[in-house]
Amino acid sequence: MAVGAVRTFLAGRASVCSRPGRQPFLQPRPPKIEVMSVLAHESEEELPAWSLPASAGESIRLPSEWPERVTREWAWGGATGAGVRVCVLDSGVELDHPLVGTVQRSVAVSKNGDEITVADDTSGDLCGHGTACAGIIRSIAPECELTSVRVLGNGYTGSAAVLIAGLEWAIEQGFDIVNMSLSTTKKQYVDRLHELADAAYFKRTMLIASAHNMPVESFPWRFAAVVSVGSHESPDPFVVYANPRPPVEFFARGLNVEIAWLGGEKISATGNSFATPHIAGICALILSKHRELTPFQLKSVLHLTATNVGGGA
């Protein structure tokens, strides 16, 4: 006779145990833990949730076209970013800036009392930060599609609620990449941001987020589902270092970067905010050449082509 599923529940109560020749004794159990081990399974029994029937394995076979060695040439050689939809979640983007070019769509997220709205916007950038990020992305991936989602106002100010609403909208729109050169230190929003980071990951939207410029705890860059970015000093936009000691996963050019600014101008600036769009641009190149990549695979390609891993080729 086949042995069915054996379940052991540890529900925070004491259980009565006995040993040969001794009196029963009370053994406390750890709370809120459930352990289930399946010793055998009859074909007519129902599979556990999130299980795969043996007959379905062939139907989800993935094409394997990976080279013996993942090089930069394989990853993005000849790519322009064409067909990749990139969202810049920031202070807006100045429309028709010569270093940015065409912005396919621009929306603004606003909060009035308890009501938050997302509407088309023609105001452009209110402080220059988003334009700078968009210009860097376009300098690397000139043919990517850009959408601006304004969640910051004058003086780089904004609320976490507006940031979350903007991120929700971006994930719903199904962008390939969302550049987030911003973060929040408000811990009451951490759970919701974490949920959104995971939702984006499973929907194949890659969140690329900058680490804070100060040694403080902020989010969402600390989540494993995003690509987290800090700065290095090299002037080469394609020098990327993989960090063996996260939570920052990658370092990109972020010091004395020439960036697009308001009024069609350009300035030199420093910050993790400007390292992040370098990674976003490289990811756009990779995805334009390899549309099938999941966020997990995309992050793996970034690692394998990092300058300190295999990026010399």
Protein backbone atom coordinates (compact mmCIF):
# COMPACT_ATOMS: atom_id res chain seq x y z
CA MET A 1 0.00 0.00 0.00
CA ALA A 2 1.38 3.40 -0.98
CA VAL A 3 2.27 5.78 1.80
CA GLY A 4 0.53 9.14 1.42
CA ALA A 5 1.57 12.61 2.52
CA VAL A 6 2.72 12.84 6.11
CA ARG A 7 2.09 16.20 7.75
CA THR A 8 3.60 17.40 10.97
CA PHE A 9 2.07 20.51 12.48
CA LEU A 10 3.97 22.55 15.03
CA ALA A 11 1.33 24.88 16.34
CA GLY A 12 2.85 26.38 19.46
CA ARG A 13 1.38 23.83 21.91
CA ALA A 14 3.08 21.32 24.15
CA SER A 15 2.80 17.74 22.93
CA VAL A 16 2.68 14.54 24.96
CA CYS A 17 5.57 12.22 24.19
CA SER A 18 6.45 8.89 25.74
CA ARG A 19 9.51 6.67 25.85
CA PRO A 20 9.63 2.96 26.65
CA GLY A 21 9.51 2.35 30.39
CA ARG A 22 9.07 6.00 31.28
CA GLN A 23 6.23 8.34 32.11
CA PRO A 24 4.86 10.58 29.37
CA PHE A 25 6.35 14.06 29.40
CA LEU A 26 5.44 17.43 27.91
CA GLN A 27 7.60 18.69 25.07
CA PRO A 28 7.11 22.31 23.99
CA ARG A 29 6.82 22.97 20.28
CA PRO A 30 8.04 26.04 18.40
CA PRO A 31 5.16 28.33 17.33
CA LYS A 32 3.81 29.00 13.84
CA ILE A 33 5.76 26.42 11.88
CA GLU A 34 4.32 23.83 9.54
CA VAL A 35 6.44 21.07 8.09
CA MET A 36 5.10 18.81 5.37
CA SER A 37 7.06 15.94 3.88
CA VAL A 38 5.65 13.83 1.07
CA LEU A 39 6.91 10.27 1.33
CA ALA A 40 5.06 8.96 -1.70
CA HIS A 41 2.41 10.03 -4.12
CA GLU A 42 -0.32 8.08 -5.83
CA SER A 43 -1.16 9.18 -9.36
CA GLU A 44 -4.80 9.84 -8.49
CA GLU A 45 -3.88 12.17 -5.62
CA GLU A 46 -3.89 15.93 -6.08
CA LEU A 47 -0.53 17.61 -6.50
CA PRO A 48 0.52 20.21 -3.95
CA ALA A 49 0.03 23.83 -4.94
CA TRP A 50 2.67 25.21 -7.36
CA SER A 51 3.60 21.72 -8.52
CA LEU A 52 4.34 20.48 -12.03
CA PRO A 53 2.92 17.19 -13.34
CA ALA A 54 5.49 14.87 -14.87
CA SER A 55 3.76 15.08 -18.24
CA ALA A 56 4.10 18.88 -18.37
CA GLY A 57 7.88 19.06 -18.30
CA GLU A 58 8.25 19.03 -22.07
CA SER A 59 5.67 21.77 -22.55
CA ILE A 60 7.77 24.32 -20.64
CA ARG A 61 11.12 23.44 -22.20
CA LEU A 62 13.11 26.63 -22.75
CA PRO A 63 15.24 27.15 -25.87
CA SER A 64 18.90 27.07 -24.94
CA GLU A 65 21.04 29.39 -27.06
CA TRP A 66 23.61 30.39 -24.48
CA PRO A 67 27.22 30.46 -25.61
CA GLU A 68 29.98 28.64 -23.81
CA ARG A 69 31.14 32.03 -22.57
CA VAL A 70 28.93 35.10 -22.17
CA THR A 71 30.88 38.03 -23.65
CA ARG A 72 29.98 41.66 -24.17
CA GLU A 73 29.92 41.06 -27.90
CA TRP A 74 27.33 38.32 -27.44
CA ALA A 75 25.43 40.33 -24.82
CA TRP A 76 25.00 43.64 -26.63
CA GLY A 77 27.34 43.86 -29.60
CA GLY A 78 25.62 45.88 -32.36
CA ALA A 79 22.58 46.62 -30.18
CA THR A 80 20.94 50.07 -30.03
CA GLY A 81 18.16 49.55 -27.51
CA ALA A 82 15.54 49.38 -30.26
CA GLY A 83 12.22 47.94 -29.11
CA VAL A 84 12.99 48.25 -25.39
CA ARG A 85 10.61 50.36 -23.30
CA VAL A 86 12.34 52.28 -20.51
CA CYS A 87 10.55 54.23 -17.81
CA VAL A 88 12.30 57.06 -15.96
CA LEU A 89 10.62 57.40 -12.57
CA ASP A 90 11.90 60.77 -11.45
CA SER A 91 11.30 64.54 -11.65
CA GLY A 92 10.09 64.47 -15.25
CA VAL A 93 12.08 64.82 -18.47
CA GLU A 94 12.56 68.01 -20.45
CA LEU A 95 10.84 67.40 -23.75
CA ASP A 96 13.03 67.64 -26.88
CA HIS A 97 16.26 68.19 -24.97
CA PRO A 98 19.01 67.64 -27.58
CA LEU A 99 20.78 65.07 -25.39
CA VAL A 100 17.55 63.17 -24.75
CA GLY A 101 15.58 63.31 -27.99
CA THR A 102 12.02 62.14 -28.28
CA VAL A 103 10.15 61.13 -25.14
CA GLN A 104 7.37 58.76 -26.19
CA ARG A 105 5.12 59.65 -23.25
CA SER A 106 5.23 61.85 -20.19
CA VAL A 107 2.91 61.51 -17.18
CA ALA A 108 2.80 63.10 -13.74
CA VAL A 109 1.65 61.54 -10.48
CA SER A 110 -0.05 63.97 -8.12
CA LYS A 111 -1.68 63.73 -4.70
CA ASN A 112 -4.66 65.82 -3.63
CA GLY A 113 -5.75 64.87 -0.14
CA ASP A 114 -6.17 61.11 -0.18
CA GLU A 115 -6.61 60.96 -3.95
CA ILE A 116 -3.67 60.12 -6.21
CA THR A 117 -3.92 60.58 -9.97
CA VAL A 118 -1.71 59.72 -12.94
CA ALA A 119 -2.24 62.01 -15.91
CA ASP A 120 -0.48 62.99 -19.12
CA ASP A 121 1.92 65.86 -18.53
CA THR A 122 3.51 68.55 -20.68
CA SER A 123 5.35 70.39 -17.89
CA GLY A 124 8.55 68.44 -18.48
CA ASP A 125 11.16 68.39 -15.74
CA LEU A 126 10.78 70.49 -12.60
CA CYS A 127 14.36 70.26 -11.34
CA GLY A 128 16.62 68.62 -13.94
CA HIS A 129 17.26 65.28 -12.26
CA GLY A 130 15.05 63.16 -14.51
CA THR A 131 16.38 64.83 -17.66
CA ALA A 132 19.91 63.95 -16.56
CA CYS A 133 19.00 60.28 -16.14
CA ALA A 134 17.13 60.14 -19.46
CA GLY A 135 20.09 61.69 -21.28
CA ILE A 136 22.49 59.07 -19.91
CA ILE A 137 20.18 56.22 -20.91
CA ARG A 138 19.81 57.60 -24.43
CA SER A 139 23.57 58.13 -24.76
CA ILE A 140 24.03 54.38 -24.31
CA ALA A 141 20.82 53.02 -25.88
CA PRO A 142 19.88 55.70 -28.45
CA GLU A 143 16.93 53.83 -29.96
CA CYS A 144 15.16 52.77 -26.78
CA GLU A 145 11.65 54.11 -26.08
CA LEU A 146 11.51 56.52 -23.14
CA THR A 147 8.56 57.28 -20.89
CA SER A 148 8.78 59.85 -18.11
CA VAL A 149 6.83 59.34 -14.88
CA ARG A 150 7.13 62.43 -12.70
CA VAL A 151 6.98 61.68 -8.97
CA LEU A 152 9.31 64.44 -7.74
CA GLY A 153 8.66 68.16 -7.67
CA ASN A 154 10.73 71.30 -7.26
CA GLY A 155 13.70 70.87 -4.97
CA TYR A 156 13.77 67.08 -5.51
CA THR A 157 10.86 66.72 -3.08
CA GLY A 158 8.13 64.11 -3.20
CA SER A 159 6.05 61.82 -1.04
CA ALA A 160 6.51 58.09 -0.65
CA ALA A 161 2.82 57.61 -1.51
CA VAL A 162 3.33 59.32 -4.88
CA LEU A 163 6.49 57.29 -5.50
CA ILE A 164 4.58 54.07 -4.84
CA ALA A 165 1.69 55.10 -7.07
CA GLY A 166 4.10 55.94 -9.88
CA LEU A 167 5.85 52.60 -9.51
CA GLU A 168 2.51 50.76 -9.48
CA TRP A 169 1.55 52.50 -12.73
CA ALA A 170 4.90 51.70 -14.35
CA ILE A 171 4.60 48.00 -13.47
CA GLU A 172 1.03 47.89 -14.79
CA GLN A 173 2.24 49.37 -18.10
CA GLY A 174 4.69 46.50 -18.51
CA PHE A 175 7.88 48.47 -19.13
CA ASP A 176 11.00 46.41 -19.72
CA ILE A 177 13.11 48.65 -17.45
CA VAL A 178 12.29 51.18 -14.77
CA ASN A 179 15.11 53.55 -13.78
CA MET A 180 14.77 54.64 -10.15
CA SER A 181 17.47 57.12 -9.23
CA LEU A 182 15.67 57.79 -5.96
CA SER A 183 14.64 56.03 -2.76
CA THR A 184 12.75 56.53 0.49
CA THR A 185 13.90 56.13 4.08
CA LYS A 186 10.33 55.81 5.41
CA LYS A 187 10.09 52.29 6.78
CA GLN A 188 6.28 52.24 6.86
CA TYR A 189 6.40 51.91 3.07
CA VAL A 190 8.96 49.12 2.94
CA ASP A 191 6.49 46.24 2.79
CA ARG A 192 4.55 47.74 -0.12
CA LEU A 193 7.72 48.59 -2.01
CA HIS A 194 8.98 45.06 -1.46
CA GLU A 195 5.71 43.65 -2.85
CA LEU A 196 6.01 45.88 -5.91
CA ALA A 197 9.65 44.92 -6.49
CA ASP A 198 8.67 41.25 -6.49
CA ALA A 199 5.64 41.92 -8.71
CA ALA A 200 7.86 43.70 -11.23
CA TYR A 201 10.39 40.86 -11.16
CA PHE A 202 7.76 38.23 -11.96
CA LYS A 203 6.23 40.41 -14.71
CA ARG A 204 9.65 40.76 -16.38
CA THR A 205 10.04 44.43 -15.52
CA MET A 206 13.59 45.10 -14.31
CA LEU A 207 13.80 47.74 -11.59
CA ILE A 208 17.20 49.44 -11.54
CA ALA A 209 17.61 51.51 -8.39
CA SER A 210 20.35 53.73 -7.03
CA ALA A 211 21.83 53.31 -3.59
CA HIS A 212 21.50 56.32 -1.32
CA ASN A 213 24.35 58.82 -1.50
CA MET A 214 24.52 58.85 2.29
CA PRO A 215 25.18 55.82 4.56
CA VAL A 216 21.52 55.47 5.51
CA GLU A 217 19.02 52.67 5.05
CA SER A 218 16.64 53.40 2.18
CA PHE A 219 14.53 51.48 -0.30
CA PRO A 220 13.90 49.91 -2.85
CA TRP A 221 17.55 49.47 -3.81
CA ARG A 222 18.16 47.07 -0.91
CA PHE A 223 15.75 44.46 -2.28
CA ALA A 224 17.21 41.44 -4.07
CA ALA A 225 14.60 41.64 -6.85
CA VAL A 226 16.05 44.92 -8.14
CA VAL A 227 19.42 45.79 -9.65
CA SER A 228 21.10 48.05 -7.09
CA VAL A 229 23.74 50.52 -8.23
CA GLY A 230 26.55 52.56 -6.68
CA SER A 231 29.27 54.69 -8.29
CA HIS A 232 32.88 54.26 -9.37
CA GLU A 233 35.41 56.83 -10.56
CA SER A 234 36.23 55.57 -14.06
CA PRO A 235 35.13 57.88 -16.90
CA ASP A 236 34.26 54.92 -19.15
CA PRO A 237 30.44 54.49 -19.34
CA PHE A 238 30.83 50.77 -20.04
CA VAL A 239 33.04 49.98 -17.05
CA VAL A 240 30.82 48.06 -14.64
CA TYR A 241 32.00 46.32 -11.51
CA ALA A 242 30.12 43.48 -9.82
CA ASN A 243 30.22 43.87 -6.06
CA PRO A 244 31.06 40.61 -4.21
CA ARG A 245 29.73 42.17 -1.01
CA PRO A 246 26.14 43.39 -1.57
CA PRO A 247 23.61 44.93 -0.92
CA VAL A 248 24.95 47.21 -3.68
CA GLU A 249 25.34 44.78 -6.58
CA PHE A 250 26.99 46.85 -9.30
CA PHE A 251 29.14 49.96 -9.60
CA ALA A 252 28.91 52.19 -12.67
CA ARG A 253 30.19 55.58 -13.74
CA GLY A 254 28.88 58.20 -11.32
CA LEU A 255 31.59 60.80 -10.69
CA ASN A 256 31.94 63.99 -12.71
CA VAL A 257 29.44 62.81 -15.28
CA GLU A 258 28.41 65.20 -18.05
CA ILE A 259 24.63 65.24 -17.88
CA ALA A 260 21.71 66.86 -19.69
CA TRP A 261 20.14 69.72 -17.72
CA LEU A 262 17.26 72.15 -17.90
CA GLY A 263 17.04 74.62 -20.73
CA GLY A 264 18.78 72.34 -23.19
CA GLU A 265 21.99 72.72 -21.22
CA LYS A 266 24.49 70.25 -19.80
CA ILE A 267 26.47 70.25 -16.57
CA SER A 268 28.88 67.99 -14.69
CA ALA A 269 27.55 66.18 -11.63
CA THR A 270 28.32 63.33 -9.24
CA GLY A 271 26.08 60.79 -7.54
CA ASN A 272 24.70 57.27 -7.53
CA SER A 273 21.69 58.75 -9.32
CA PHE A 274 23.82 59.08 -12.44
CA ALA A 275 25.47 55.67 -12.13
CA THR A 276 22.07 54.00 -12.22
CA PRO A 277 21.02 55.08 -15.75
CA HIS A 278 24.34 53.78 -17.07
CA ILE A 279 23.23 50.32 -15.95
CA ALA A 280 19.71 50.95 -17.27
CA GLY A 281 21.16 51.84 -20.68
CA ILE A 282 23.34 48.73 -20.79
CA CYS A 283 20.34 46.59 -19.80
CA ALA A 284 18.36 48.18 -22.65
CA LEU A 285 21.11 47.15 -25.07
CA ILE A 286 21.09 43.59 -23.75
CA LEU A 287 17.31 43.27 -23.92
CA SER A 288 17.12 44.72 -27.42
CA LYS A 289 19.35 41.87 -28.58
CA HIS A 290 17.95 39.17 -26.27
CA ARG A 291 14.26 39.89 -25.75
CA GLU A 292 13.65 36.52 -24.09
CA LEU A 293 15.74 37.23 -20.99
CA THR A 294 14.04 37.26 -17.60
CA PRO A 295 15.18 39.68 -14.87
CA PHE A 296 17.14 36.83 -13.28
CA GLN A 297 18.91 36.10 -16.57
CA LEU A 298 19.48 39.79 -17.28
CA LYS A 299 21.14 40.28 -13.92
CA SER A 300 23.27 37.19 -14.60
CA VAL A 301 24.43 38.64 -17.94
CA LEU A 302 25.31 41.91 -16.20
CA HIS A 303 27.41 39.96 -13.73
CA LEU A 304 29.14 37.81 -16.33
CA THR A 305 30.04 40.84 -18.46
CA ALA A 306 31.17 43.03 -15.55
CA THR A 307 34.69 44.43 -15.93
CA ASN A 308 35.99 42.51 -12.93
CA VAL A 309 34.37 39.23 -14.01
CA GLY A 310 34.55 38.67 -17.76
CA GLY A 311 34.01 42.11 -19.21
CA GLY A 312 37.35 42.44 -20.90
CA ALA A 313 35.99 40.52 -23.89
